[in-house]
Amino acid sequence: MLFRSNQELQELSLALSQALALLKPGGRLAVISFHSLEDRIVKNFLRDQAEPASHLPKGLPLRADQLPQPTLVLVGKAVRASREEVAANPRSRSAIMRVAERTAVPLSRRVA
């Protein structure tokens, strides 16, 4: 496992939470990651915010109105650099951009 002494991955997790707290409903959060560990953190964060009920046990007796509401809606799929961009900028080959839009659900009302 890769050890990062400067806490980059923890800072990324913190920054994602802070960005979500600052984002107004309808605002979009776009994140570009360059390493697989970073992308995994971004992907899991966006997915967890878009599907908060995925952490609940299956068969839990809840009505639809009792389920936690998502704070983000995923916008499209992950975007990678095109062949043309990689030819012009070889460093872009590992870049992955993910985008999500903030819903009107207040953060304090979301259950997670």
PDB file of N, CA and C in Angstrom:
ATOM      1  N   MET A   1       0.843  -1.178   0.000  1.00  0.00           N
ATOM      2  CA  MET A   1       0.000   0.000   0.000  1.00  0.00           C
ATOM      3  C   MET A   1       0.887   1.240   0.000  1.00  0.00           C
ATOM      4  N   LEU A   2       0.437   2.232  -0.724  1.00  0.00           N
ATOM      5  CA  LEU A   2       1.172   3.475  -0.839  1.00  0.00           C
ATOM      6  C   LEU A   2       0.984   4.309   0.418  1.00  0.00           C
ATOM      7  N   PHE A   3       2.086   4.772   0.985  1.00  0.00           N
ATOM      8  CA  PHE A   3       2.025   5.598   2.189  1.00  0.00           C
ATOM      9  C   PHE A   3       2.302   7.038   1.797  1.00  0.00           C
ATOM     10  N   ARG A   4       1.400   7.917   2.118  1.00  0.00           N
ATOM     11  CA  ARG A   4       1.580   9.337   1.829  1.00  0.00           C
ATOM     12  C   ARG A   4       1.715  10.070   3.147  1.00  0.00           C
ATOM     13  N   SER A   5       2.902  10.563   3.408  1.00  0.00           N
ATOM     14  CA  SER A   5       3.167  11.185   4.698  1.00  0.00           C
ATOM     15  C   SER A   5       2.523  12.551   4.843  1.00  0.00           C
ATOM     16  N   ASN A   6       2.142  13.197   3.743  1.00  0.00           N
ATOM     17  CA  ASN A   6       1.600  14.543   3.868  1.00  0.00           C
ATOM     18  C   ASN A   6       0.063  14.562   3.937  1.00  0.00           C
ATOM     19  N   GLN A   7      -0.554  13.450   4.170  1.00  0.00           N
ATOM     20  CA  GLN A   7      -1.997  13.359   4.439  1.00  0.00           C
ATOM     21  C   GLN A   7      -2.874  13.838   3.286  1.00  0.00           C
ATOM     22  N   GLU A   8      -2.412  13.686   2.044  1.00  0.00           N
ATOM     23  CA  GLU A   8      -3.176  14.147   0.882  1.00  0.00           C
ATOM     24  C   GLU A   8      -4.564  13.510   0.799  1.00  0.00           C
ATOM     25  N   LEU A   9      -4.644  12.231   1.051  1.00  0.00           N
ATOM     26  CA  LEU A   9      -5.921  11.542   0.905  1.00  0.00           C
ATOM     27  C   LEU A   9      -6.917  11.973   1.975  1.00  0.00           C
ATOM     28  N   GLN A  10      -6.461  12.186   3.178  1.00  0.00           N
ATOM     29  CA  GLN A  10      -7.345  12.669   4.239  1.00  0.00           C
ATOM     30  C   GLN A  10      -7.792  14.095   3.932  1.00  0.00           C
ATOM     31  N   GLU A  11      -6.902  14.905   3.391  1.00  0.00           N
ATOM     32  CA  GLU A  11      -7.244  16.277   3.018  1.00  0.00           C
ATOM     33  C   GLU A  11      -8.293  16.281   1.905  1.00  0.00           C
ATOM     34  N   LEU A  12      -8.190  15.341   0.983  1.00  0.00           N
ATOM     35  CA  LEU A  12      -9.175  15.241  -0.091  1.00  0.00           C
ATOM     36  C   LEU A  12     -10.548  14.925   0.480  1.00  0.00           C
ATOM     37  N   SER A  13     -10.638  13.977   1.386  1.00  0.00           N
ATOM     38  CA  SER A  13     -11.922  13.629   2.011  1.00  0.00           C
ATOM     39  C   SER A  13     -12.519  14.826   2.735  1.00  0.00           C
ATOM     40  N   LEU A  14     -11.690  15.543   3.451  1.00  0.00           N
ATOM     41  CA  LEU A  14     -12.145  16.727   4.174  1.00  0.00           C
ATOM     42  C   LEU A  14     -12.613  17.813   3.201  1.00  0.00           C
ATOM     43  N   ALA A  15     -11.859  18.020   2.131  1.00  0.00           N
ATOM     44  CA  ALA A  15     -12.212  19.037   1.141  1.00  0.00           C
ATOM     45  C   ALA A  15     -13.539  18.717   0.449  1.00  0.00           C
ATOM     46  N   LEU A  16     -13.795  17.441   0.181  1.00  0.00           N
ATOM     47  CA  LEU A  16     -15.058  17.059  -0.452  1.00  0.00           C
ATOM     48  C   LEU A  16     -16.242  17.385   0.459  1.00  0.00           C
ATOM     49  N   SER A  17     -16.123  17.079   1.735  1.00  0.00           N
ATOM     50  CA  SER A  17     -17.188  17.374   2.696  1.00  0.00           C
ATOM     51  C   SER A  17     -17.406  18.876   2.815  1.00  0.00           C
ATOM     52  N   GLN A  18     -16.327  19.629   2.859  1.00  0.00           N
ATOM     53  CA  GLN A  18     -16.430  21.082   2.961  1.00  0.00           C
ATOM     54  C   GLN A  18     -17.044  21.686   1.699  1.00  0.00           C
ATOM     55  N   ALA A  19     -16.663  21.177   0.544  1.00  0.00           N
ATOM     56  CA  ALA A  19     -17.219  21.679  -0.716  1.00  0.00           C
ATOM     57  C   ALA A  19     -18.720  21.419  -0.767  1.00  0.00           C
ATOM     58  N   LEU A  20     -19.156  20.253  -0.320  1.00  0.00           N
ATOM     59  CA  LEU A  20     -20.578  19.931  -0.306  1.00  0.00           C
ATOM     60  C   LEU A  20     -21.337  20.877   0.625  1.00  0.00           C
ATOM     61  N   ALA A  21     -20.745  21.197   1.755  1.00  0.00           N
ATOM     62  CA  ALA A  21     -21.391  22.096   2.713  1.00  0.00           C
ATOM     63  C   ALA A  21     -21.542  23.512   2.138  1.00  0.00           C
ATOM     64  N   LEU A  22     -20.639  23.920   1.275  1.00  0.00           N
ATOM     65  CA  LEU A  22     -20.677  25.257   0.692  1.00  0.00           C
ATOM     66  C   LEU A  22     -21.539  25.347  -0.565  1.00  0.00           C
ATOM     67  N   LEU A  23     -21.822  24.209  -1.173  1.00  0.00           N
ATOM     68  CA  LEU A  23     -22.538  24.172  -2.441  1.00  0.00           C
ATOM     69  C   LEU A  23     -24.019  24.464  -2.250  1.00  0.00           C
ATOM     70  N   LYS A  24     -24.549  25.386  -3.038  1.00  0.00           N
ATOM     71  CA  LYS A  24     -25.970  25.725  -2.973  1.00  0.00           C
ATOM     72  C   LYS A  24     -26.759  24.728  -3.820  1.00  0.00           C
ATOM     73  N   PRO A  25     -28.059  24.545  -3.517  1.00  0.00           N
ATOM     74  CA  PRO A  25     -28.878  23.653  -4.346  1.00  0.00           C
ATOM     75  C   PRO A  25     -28.811  24.063  -5.823  1.00  0.00           C
ATOM     76  N   GLY A  26     -28.603  23.067  -6.669  1.00  0.00           N
ATOM     77  CA  GLY A  26     -28.461  23.307  -8.100  1.00  0.00           C
ATOM     78  C   GLY A  26     -27.020  23.526  -8.523  1.00  0.00           C
ATOM     79  N   GLY A  27     -26.131  23.758  -7.551  1.00  0.00           N
ATOM     80  CA  GLY A  27     -24.712  23.946  -7.854  1.00  0.00           C
ATOM     81  C   GLY A  27     -24.065  22.616  -8.201  1.00  0.00           C
ATOM     82  N   ARG A  28     -23.024  22.682  -8.992  1.00  0.00           N
ATOM     83  CA  ARG A  28     -22.337  21.456  -9.406  1.00  0.00           C
ATOM     84  C   ARG A  28     -20.934  21.378  -8.822  1.00  0.00           C
ATOM     85  N   LEU A  29     -20.595  20.179  -8.426  1.00  0.00           N
ATOM     86  CA  LEU A  29     -19.273  19.880  -7.898  1.00  0.00           C
ATOM     87  C   LEU A  29     -18.551  19.037  -8.945  1.00  0.00           C
ATOM     88  N   ALA A  30     -17.433  19.544  -9.456  1.00  0.00           N
ATOM     89  CA  ALA A  30     -16.622  18.806 -10.430  1.00  0.00           C
ATOM     90  C   ALA A  30     -15.266  18.544  -9.802  1.00  0.00           C
ATOM     91  N   VAL A  31     -14.846  17.291  -9.826  1.00  0.00           N
ATOM     92  CA  VAL A  31     -13.576  16.895  -9.210  1.00  0.00           C
ATOM     93  C   VAL A  31     -12.755  16.131 -10.237  1.00  0.00           C
ATOM     94  N   ILE A  32     -11.511  16.546 -10.401  1.00  0.00           N
ATOM     95  CA  ILE A  32     -10.587  15.835 -11.281  1.00  0.00           C
ATOM     96  C   ILE A  32      -9.547  15.156 -10.404  1.00  0.00           C
ATOM     97  N   SER A  33      -9.439  13.849 -10.544  1.00  0.00           N
ATOM     98  CA  SER A  33      -8.438  13.091  -9.784  1.00  0.00           C
ATOM     99  C   SER A  33      -7.398  12.546 -10.758  1.00  0.00           C
ATOM    100  N   PHE A  34      -6.187  12.343 -10.248  1.00  0.00           N
ATOM    101  CA  PHE A  34      -5.091  11.896 -11.103  1.00  0.00           C
ATOM    102  C   PHE A  34      -4.517  10.542 -10.691  1.00  0.00           C
ATOM    103  N   HIS A  35      -4.956  10.014  -9.549  1.00  0.00           N
ATOM    104  CA  HIS A  35      -4.460   8.725  -9.074  1.00  0.00           C
ATOM    105  C   HIS A  35      -5.649   7.859  -8.681  1.00  0.00           C
ATOM    106  N   SER A  36      -5.473   6.565  -8.755  1.00  0.00           N
ATOM    107  CA  SER A  36      -6.573   5.649  -8.461  1.00  0.00           C
ATOM    108  C   SER A  36      -7.064   5.766  -7.020  1.00  0.00           C
ATOM    109  N   LEU A  37      -6.177   6.016  -6.078  1.00  0.00           N
ATOM    110  CA  LEU A  37      -6.604   6.163  -4.686  1.00  0.00           C
ATOM    111  C   LEU A  37      -7.467   7.408  -4.515  1.00  0.00           C
ATOM    112  N   GLU A  38      -7.067   8.496  -5.166  1.00  0.00           N
ATOM    113  CA  GLU A  38      -7.874   9.717  -5.130  1.00  0.00           C
ATOM    114  C   GLU A  38      -9.229   9.473  -5.777  1.00  0.00           C
ATOM    115  N   ASP A  39      -9.221   8.817  -6.934  1.00  0.00           N
ATOM    116  CA  ASP A  39     -10.475   8.593  -7.642  1.00  0.00           C
ATOM    117  C   ASP A  39     -11.419   7.714  -6.836  1.00  0.00           C
ATOM    118  N   ARG A  40     -10.894   6.739  -6.135  1.00  0.00           N
ATOM    119  CA  ARG A  40     -11.740   5.878  -5.313  1.00  0.00           C
ATOM    120  C   ARG A  40     -12.429   6.693  -4.210  1.00  0.00           C
ATOM    121  N   ILE A  41     -11.698   7.606  -3.585  1.00  0.00           N
ATOM    122  CA  ILE A  41     -12.276   8.453  -2.548  1.00  0.00           C
ATOM    123  C   ILE A  41     -13.381   9.327  -3.129  1.00  0.00           C
ATOM    124  N   VAL A  42     -13.107   9.949  -4.276  1.00  0.00           N
ATOM    125  CA  VAL A  42     -14.095  10.824  -4.921  1.00  0.00           C
ATOM    126  C   VAL A  42     -15.320  10.014  -5.334  1.00  0.00           C
ATOM    127  N   LYS A  43     -15.102   8.876  -5.985  1.00  0.00           N
ATOM    128  CA  LYS A  43     -16.206   8.038  -6.458  1.00  0.00           C
ATOM    129  C   LYS A  43     -17.082   7.580  -5.301  1.00  0.00           C
ATOM    130  N   ASN A  44     -16.475   7.105  -4.227  1.00  0.00           N
ATOM    131  CA  ASN A  44     -17.249   6.632  -3.079  1.00  0.00           C
ATOM    132  C   ASN A  44     -17.999   7.767  -2.394  1.00  0.00           C
ATOM    133  N   PHE A  45     -17.367   8.936  -2.271  1.00  0.00           N
ATOM    134  CA  PHE A  45     -18.026  10.082  -1.648  1.00  0.00           C
ATOM    135  C   PHE A  45     -19.260  10.489  -2.454  1.00  0.00           C
ATOM    136  N   LEU A  46     -19.089  10.652  -3.761  1.00  0.00           N
ATOM    137  CA  LEU A  46     -20.223  11.058  -4.599  1.00  0.00           C
ATOM    138  C   LEU A  46     -21.328  10.002  -4.585  1.00  0.00           C
ATOM    139  N   ARG A  47     -20.959   8.738  -4.656  1.00  0.00           N
ATOM    140  CA  ARG A  47     -21.952   7.668  -4.634  1.00  0.00           C
ATOM    141  C   ARG A  47     -22.700   7.638  -3.306  1.00  0.00           C
ATOM    142  N   ASP A  48     -21.982   7.781  -2.201  1.00  0.00           N
ATOM    143  CA  ASP A  48     -22.628   7.758  -0.887  1.00  0.00           C
ATOM    144  C   ASP A  48     -23.595   8.923  -0.712  1.00  0.00           C
ATOM    145  N   GLN A  49     -23.263  10.078  -1.263  1.00  0.00           N
ATOM    146  CA  GLN A  49     -24.148  11.230  -1.163  1.00  0.00           C
ATOM    147  C   GLN A  49     -25.343  11.111  -2.111  1.00  0.00           C
ATOM    148  N   ALA A  50     -25.152  10.387  -3.214  1.00  0.00           N
ATOM    149  CA  ALA A  50     -26.232  10.214  -4.194  1.00  0.00           C
ATOM    150  C   ALA A  50     -27.152   9.041  -3.837  1.00  0.00           C
ATOM    151  N   GLU A  51     -26.656   8.078  -3.069  1.00  0.00           N
ATOM    152  CA  GLU A  51     -27.430   6.894  -2.693  1.00  0.00           C
ATOM    153  C   GLU A  51     -27.292   6.635  -1.196  1.00  0.00           C
ATOM    154  N   PRO A  52     -27.800   7.534  -0.353  1.00  0.00           N
ATOM    155  CA  PRO A  52     -27.596   7.359   1.093  1.00  0.00           C
ATOM    156  C   PRO A  52     -28.255   6.113   1.663  1.00  0.00           C
ATOM    157  N   ALA A  53     -29.302   5.604   1.004  1.00  0.00           N
ATOM    158  CA  ALA A  53     -29.994   4.422   1.516  1.00  0.00           C
ATOM    159  C   ALA A  53     -29.191   3.141   1.286  1.00  0.00           C
ATOM    160  N   SER A  54     -28.114   3.209   0.506  1.00  0.00           N
ATOM    161  CA  SER A  54     -27.326   2.002   0.224  1.00  0.00           C
ATOM    162  C   SER A  54     -26.634   1.461   1.471  1.00  0.00           C
ATOM    163  N   HIS A  55     -26.522   2.274   2.521  1.00  0.00           N
ATOM    164  CA  HIS A  55     -25.870   1.821   3.758  1.00  0.00           C
ATOM    165  C   HIS A  55     -26.855   1.194   4.745  1.00  0.00           C
ATOM    166  N   LEU A  56     -28.126   1.258   4.425  1.00  0.00           N
ATOM    167  CA  LEU A  56     -29.125   0.667   5.321  1.00  0.00           C
ATOM    168  C   LEU A  56     -29.213  -0.835   5.083  1.00  0.00           C
ATOM    169  N   PRO A  57     -29.516  -1.605   6.097  1.00  0.00           N
ATOM    170  CA  PRO A  57     -29.665  -3.055   5.925  1.00  0.00           C
ATOM    171  C   PRO A  57     -30.845  -3.382   5.007  1.00  0.00           C
ATOM    172  N   LYS A  58     -30.675  -4.405   4.197  1.00  0.00           N
ATOM    173  CA  LYS A  58     -31.771  -4.839   3.322  1.00  0.00           C
ATOM    174  C   LYS A  58     -32.923  -5.355   4.168  1.00  0.00           C
ATOM    175  N   GLY A  59     -34.146  -5.075   3.736  1.00  0.00           N
ATOM    176  CA  GLY A  59     -35.324  -5.550   4.448  1.00  0.00           C
ATOM    177  C   GLY A  59     -35.713  -4.705   5.638  1.00  0.00           C
ATOM    178  N   LEU A  60     -35.043  -3.585   5.845  1.00  0.00           N
ATOM    179  CA  LEU A  60     -35.382  -2.695   6.947  1.00  0.00           C
ATOM    180  C   LEU A  60     -36.769  -2.113   6.700  1.00  0.00           C
ATOM    181  N   PRO A  61     -37.689  -2.249   7.653  1.00  0.00           N
ATOM    182  CA  PRO A  61     -39.069  -1.815   7.408  1.00  0.00           C
ATOM    183  C   PRO A  61     -39.218  -0.295   7.466  1.00  0.00           C
ATOM    184  N   LEU A  62     -38.966   0.355   6.321  1.00  0.00           N
ATOM    185  CA  LEU A  62     -39.127   1.801   6.213  1.00  0.00           C
ATOM    186  C   LEU A  62     -40.014   2.123   5.022  1.00  0.00           C
ATOM    187  N   ARG A  63     -40.820   3.153   5.173  1.00  0.00           N
ATOM    188  CA  ARG A  63     -41.595   3.654   4.042  1.00  0.00           C
ATOM    189  C   ARG A  63     -40.680   4.516   3.183  1.00  0.00           C
ATOM    190  N   ALA A  64     -41.069   4.749   1.953  1.00  0.00           N
ATOM    191  CA  ALA A  64     -40.249   5.544   1.042  1.00  0.00           C
ATOM    192  C   ALA A  64     -39.988   6.938   1.596  1.00  0.00           C
ATOM    193  N   ASP A  65     -40.966   7.525   2.273  1.00  0.00           N
ATOM    194  CA  ASP A  65     -40.773   8.881   2.807  1.00  0.00           C
ATOM    195  C   ASP A  65     -39.847   8.901   4.030  1.00  0.00           C
ATOM    196  N   GLN A  66     -39.519   7.739   4.575  1.00  0.00           N
ATOM    197  CA  GLN A  66     -38.610   7.658   5.716  1.00  0.00           C
ATOM    198  C   GLN A  66     -37.156   7.427   5.291  1.00  0.00           C
ATOM    199  N   LEU A  67     -36.952   7.099   4.033  1.00  0.00           N
ATOM    200  CA  LEU A  67     -35.599   6.852   3.546  1.00  0.00           C
ATOM    201  C   LEU A  67     -34.821   8.160   3.483  1.00  0.00           C
ATOM    202  N   PRO A  68     -33.524   8.129   3.769  1.00  0.00           N
ATOM    203  CA  PRO A  68     -32.720   9.339   3.659  1.00  0.00           C
ATOM    204  C   PRO A  68     -32.691   9.818   2.208  1.00  0.00           C
ATOM    205  N   GLN A  69     -32.793  11.124   2.036  1.00  0.00           N
ATOM    206  CA  GLN A  69     -32.807  11.700   0.698  1.00  0.00           C
ATOM    207  C   GLN A  69     -31.379  12.033   0.252  1.00  0.00           C
ATOM    208  N   PRO A  70     -31.105  11.879  -1.037  1.00  0.00           N
ATOM    209  CA  PRO A  70     -29.751  12.163  -1.525  1.00  0.00           C
ATOM    210  C   PRO A  70     -29.445  13.662  -1.505  1.00  0.00           C
ATOM    211  N   THR A  71     -28.212  14.012  -1.223  1.00  0.00           N
ATOM    212  CA  THR A  71     -27.788  15.405  -1.263  1.00  0.00           C
ATOM    213  C   THR A  71     -27.132  15.744  -2.591  1.00  0.00           C
ATOM    214  N   LEU A  72     -26.776  14.721  -3.373  1.00  0.00           N
ATOM    215  CA  LEU A  72     -26.185  14.930  -4.692  1.00  0.00           C
ATOM    216  C   LEU A  72     -26.854  14.030  -5.712  1.00  0.00           C
ATOM    217  N   VAL A  73     -26.860  14.494  -6.952  1.00  0.00           N
ATOM    218  CA  VAL A  73     -27.302  13.692  -8.082  1.00  0.00           C
ATOM    219  C   VAL A  73     -26.109  13.606  -9.027  1.00  0.00           C
ATOM    220  N   LEU A  74     -25.714  12.407  -9.389  1.00  0.00           N
ATOM    221  CA  LEU A  74     -24.581  12.242 -10.295  1.00  0.00           C
ATOM    222  C   LEU A  74     -24.950  12.764 -11.676  1.00  0.00           C
ATOM    223  N   VAL A  75     -24.015  13.478 -12.295  1.00  0.00           N
ATOM    224  CA  VAL A  75     -24.235  14.058 -13.619  1.00  0.00           C
ATOM    225  C   VAL A  75     -23.339  13.314 -14.600  1.00  0.00           C
ATOM    226  N   GLY A  76     -23.940  12.480 -15.423  1.00  0.00           N
ATOM    227  CA  GLY A  76     -23.175  11.737 -16.417  1.00  0.00           C
ATOM    228  C   GLY A  76     -22.243  10.710 -15.800  1.00  0.00           C
ATOM    229  N   LYS A  77     -21.362  10.212 -16.636  1.00  0.00           N
ATOM    230  CA  LYS A  77     -20.368   9.230 -16.215  1.00  0.00           C
ATOM    231  C   LYS A  77     -19.027   9.914 -16.024  1.00  0.00           C
ATOM    232  N   ALA A  78     -18.088   9.183 -15.467  1.00  0.00           N
ATOM    233  CA  ALA A  78     -16.735   9.713 -15.313  1.00  0.00           C
ATOM    234  C   ALA A  78     -16.170  10.032 -16.700  1.00  0.00           C
ATOM    235  N   VAL A  79     -15.463  11.148 -16.804  1.00  0.00           N
ATOM    236  CA  VAL A  79     -14.913  11.595 -18.084  1.00  0.00           C
ATOM    237  C   VAL A  79     -13.399  11.469 -18.044  1.00  0.00           C
ATOM    238  N   ARG A  80     -12.869  10.848 -19.079  1.00  0.00           N
ATOM    239  CA  ARG A  80     -11.417  10.718 -19.228  1.00  0.00           C
ATOM    240  C   ARG A  80     -10.966  11.568 -20.413  1.00  0.00           C
ATOM    241  N   ALA A  81      -9.692  11.860 -20.460  1.00  0.00           N
ATOM    242  CA  ALA A  81      -9.135  12.656 -21.557  1.00  0.00           C
ATOM    243  C   ALA A  81      -9.266  11.902 -22.878  1.00  0.00           C
ATOM    244  N   SER A  82      -9.550  12.657 -23.936  1.00  0.00           N
ATOM    245  CA  SER A  82      -9.654  12.050 -25.269  1.00  0.00           C
ATOM    246  C   SER A  82      -8.259  11.708 -25.799  1.00  0.00           C
ATOM    247  N   ARG A  83      -8.212  10.947 -26.864  1.00  0.00           N
ATOM    248  CA  ARG A  83      -6.921  10.597 -27.468  1.00  0.00           C
ATOM    249  C   ARG A  83      -6.179  11.849 -27.911  1.00  0.00           C
ATOM    250  N   GLU A  84      -6.942  12.797 -28.450  1.00  0.00           N
ATOM    251  CA  GLU A  84      -6.329  14.039 -28.917  1.00  0.00           C
ATOM    252  C   GLU A  84      -5.697  14.812 -27.765  1.00  0.00           C
ATOM    253  N   GLU A  85      -6.399  14.866 -26.639  1.00  0.00           N
ATOM    254  CA  GLU A  85      -5.855  15.582 -25.487  1.00  0.00           C
ATOM    255  C   GLU A  85      -4.635  14.881 -24.927  1.00  0.00           C
ATOM    256  N   VAL A  86      -4.673  13.555 -24.854  1.00  0.00           N
ATOM    257  CA  VAL A  86      -3.519  12.810 -24.353  1.00  0.00           C
ATOM    258  C   VAL A  86      -2.323  13.009 -25.275  1.00  0.00           C
ATOM    259  N   ALA A  87      -2.564  13.079 -26.593  1.00  0.00           N
ATOM    260  CA  ALA A  87      -1.471  13.324 -27.540  1.00  0.00           C
ATOM    261  C   ALA A  87      -0.864  14.706 -27.315  1.00  0.00           C
ATOM    262  N   ALA A  88      -1.713  15.692 -27.029  1.00  0.00           N
ATOM    263  CA  ALA A  88      -1.235  17.053 -26.804  1.00  0.00           C
ATOM    264  C   ALA A  88      -0.667  17.230 -25.395  1.00  0.00           C
ATOM    265  N   ASN A  89      -1.194  16.467 -24.425  1.00  0.00           N
ATOM    266  CA  ASN A  89      -0.785  16.595 -23.029  1.00  0.00           C
ATOM    267  C   ASN A  89      -0.729  15.200 -22.410  1.00  0.00           C
ATOM    268  N   PRO A  90       0.393  14.512 -22.489  1.00  0.00           N
ATOM    269  CA  PRO A  90       0.489  13.136 -22.003  1.00  0.00           C
ATOM    270  C   PRO A  90       0.123  12.956 -20.529  1.00  0.00           C
ATOM    271  N   ARG A  91       0.281  13.991 -19.712  1.00  0.00           N
ATOM    272  CA  ARG A  91      -0.046  13.877 -18.292  1.00  0.00           C
ATOM    273  C   ARG A  91      -1.548  13.736 -18.054  1.00  0.00           C
ATOM    274  N   SER A  92      -2.342  14.100 -19.033  1.00  0.00           N
ATOM    275  CA  SER A  92      -3.798  14.024 -18.863  1.00  0.00           C
ATOM    276  C   SER A  92      -4.323  12.593 -18.953  1.00  0.00           C
ATOM    277  N   ARG A  93      -3.495  11.644 -19.324  1.00  0.00           N
ATOM    278  CA  ARG A  93      -3.970  10.268 -19.527  1.00  0.00           C
ATOM    279  C   ARG A  93      -4.547   9.640 -18.273  1.00  0.00           C
ATOM    280  N   SER A  94      -4.096  10.062 -17.107  1.00  0.00           N
ATOM    281  CA  SER A  94      -4.597   9.469 -15.866  1.00  0.00           C
ATOM    282  C   SER A  94      -5.716  10.281 -15.219  1.00  0.00           C
ATOM    283  N   ALA A  95      -6.069  11.420 -15.798  1.00  0.00           N
ATOM    284  CA  ALA A  95      -7.089  12.290 -15.201  1.00  0.00           C
ATOM    285  C   ALA A  95      -8.497  11.717 -15.396  1.00  0.00           C
ATOM    286  N   ILE A  96      -9.296  11.792 -14.324  1.00  0.00           N
ATOM    287  CA  ILE A  96     -10.694  11.375 -14.364  1.00  0.00           C
ATOM    288  C   ILE A  96     -11.512  12.478 -13.714  1.00  0.00           C
ATOM    289  N   MET A  97     -12.536  12.951 -14.436  1.00  0.00           N
ATOM    290  CA  MET A  97     -13.398  13.996 -13.896  1.00  0.00           C
ATOM    291  C   MET A  97     -14.765  13.404 -13.586  1.00  0.00           C
ATOM    292  N   ARG A  98     -15.256  13.705 -12.394  1.00  0.00           N
ATOM    293  CA  ARG A  98     -16.584  13.280 -11.960  1.00  0.00           C
ATOM    294  C   ARG A  98     -17.362  14.526 -11.545  1.00  0.00           C
ATOM    295  N   VAL A  99     -18.658  14.558 -11.895  1.00  0.00           N
ATOM    296  CA  VAL A  99     -19.490  15.729 -11.637  1.00  0.00           C
ATOM    297  C   VAL A  99     -20.778  15.286 -10.946  1.00  0.00           C
ATOM    298  N   ALA A 100     -21.219  16.093  -9.973  1.00  0.00           N
ATOM    299  CA  ALA A 100     -22.484  15.843  -9.278  1.00  0.00           C
ATOM    300  C   ALA A 100     -23.157  17.187  -9.010  1.00  0.00           C
ATOM    301  N   GLU A 101     -24.482  17.168  -8.942  1.00  0.00           N
ATOM    302  CA  GLU A 101     -25.262  18.377  -8.682  1.00  0.00           C
ATOM    303  C   GLU A 101     -25.933  18.278  -7.326  1.00  0.00           C
ATOM    304  N   ARG A 102     -25.904  19.375  -6.581  1.00  0.00           N
ATOM    305  CA  ARG A 102     -26.489  19.449  -5.238  1.00  0.00           C
ATOM    306  C   ARG A 102     -28.002  19.486  -5.334  1.00  0.00           C
ATOM    307  N   THR A 103     -28.668  18.717  -4.504  1.00  0.00           N
ATOM    308  CA  THR A 103     -30.126  18.728  -4.433  1.00  0.00           C
ATOM    309  C   THR A 103     -30.566  19.753  -3.391  1.00  0.00           C
ATOM    310  N   ALA A 104     -31.864  19.897  -3.239  1.00  0.00           N
ATOM    311  CA  ALA A 104     -32.401  20.871  -2.282  1.00  0.00           C
ATOM    312  C   ALA A 104     -32.493  20.322  -0.857  1.00  0.00           C
ATOM    313  N   VAL A 105     -32.055  19.084  -0.646  1.00  0.00           N
ATOM    314  CA  VAL A 105     -32.140  18.468   0.683  1.00  0.00           C
ATOM    315  C   VAL A 105     -31.133  19.138   1.618  1.00  0.00           C
ATOM    316  N   PRO A 106     -31.584  19.703   2.740  1.00  0.00           N
ATOM    317  CA  PRO A 106     -30.647  20.311   3.694  1.00  0.00           C
ATOM    318  C   PRO A 106     -29.716  19.250   4.276  1.00  0.00           C
ATOM    319  N   LEU A 107     -28.456  19.587   4.455  1.00  0.00           N
ATOM    320  CA  LEU A 107     -27.481  18.636   4.985  1.00  0.00           C
ATOM    321  C   LEU A 107     -27.862  18.169   6.389  1.00  0.00           C
ATOM    322  N   SER A 108     -28.469  19.043   7.182  1.00  0.00           N
ATOM    323  CA  SER A 108     -28.821  18.669   8.550  1.00  0.00           C
ATOM    324  C   SER A 108     -29.958  17.651   8.605  1.00  0.00           C
ATOM    325  N   ARG A 109     -30.781  17.554   7.549  1.00  0.00           N
ATOM    326  CA  ARG A 109     -31.903  16.608   7.526  1.00  0.00           C
ATOM    327  C   ARG A 109     -31.513  15.253   6.977  1.00  0.00           C
ATOM    328  N   ARG A 110     -30.367  15.151   6.346  1.00  0.00           N
ATOM    329  CA  ARG A 110     -29.947  13.901   5.734  1.00  0.00           C
ATOM    330  C   ARG A 110     -29.478  12.947   6.805  1.00  0.00           C
ATOM    331  N   VAL A 111     -29.889  11.707   6.712  1.00  0.00           N
ATOM    332  CA  VAL A 111     -29.491  10.674   7.660  1.00  0.00           C
ATOM    333  C   VAL A 111     -28.416   9.831   6.995  1.00  0.00           C
ATOM    334  N   ALA A 112     -27.290   9.624   7.663  1.00  0.00           N
ATOM    335  CA  ALA A 112     -26.245   8.758   7.095  1.00  0.00           C
ATOM    336  C   ALA A 112     -25.451   8.110   8.195  1.00  0.00           C
TER     337      ALA A 112
END
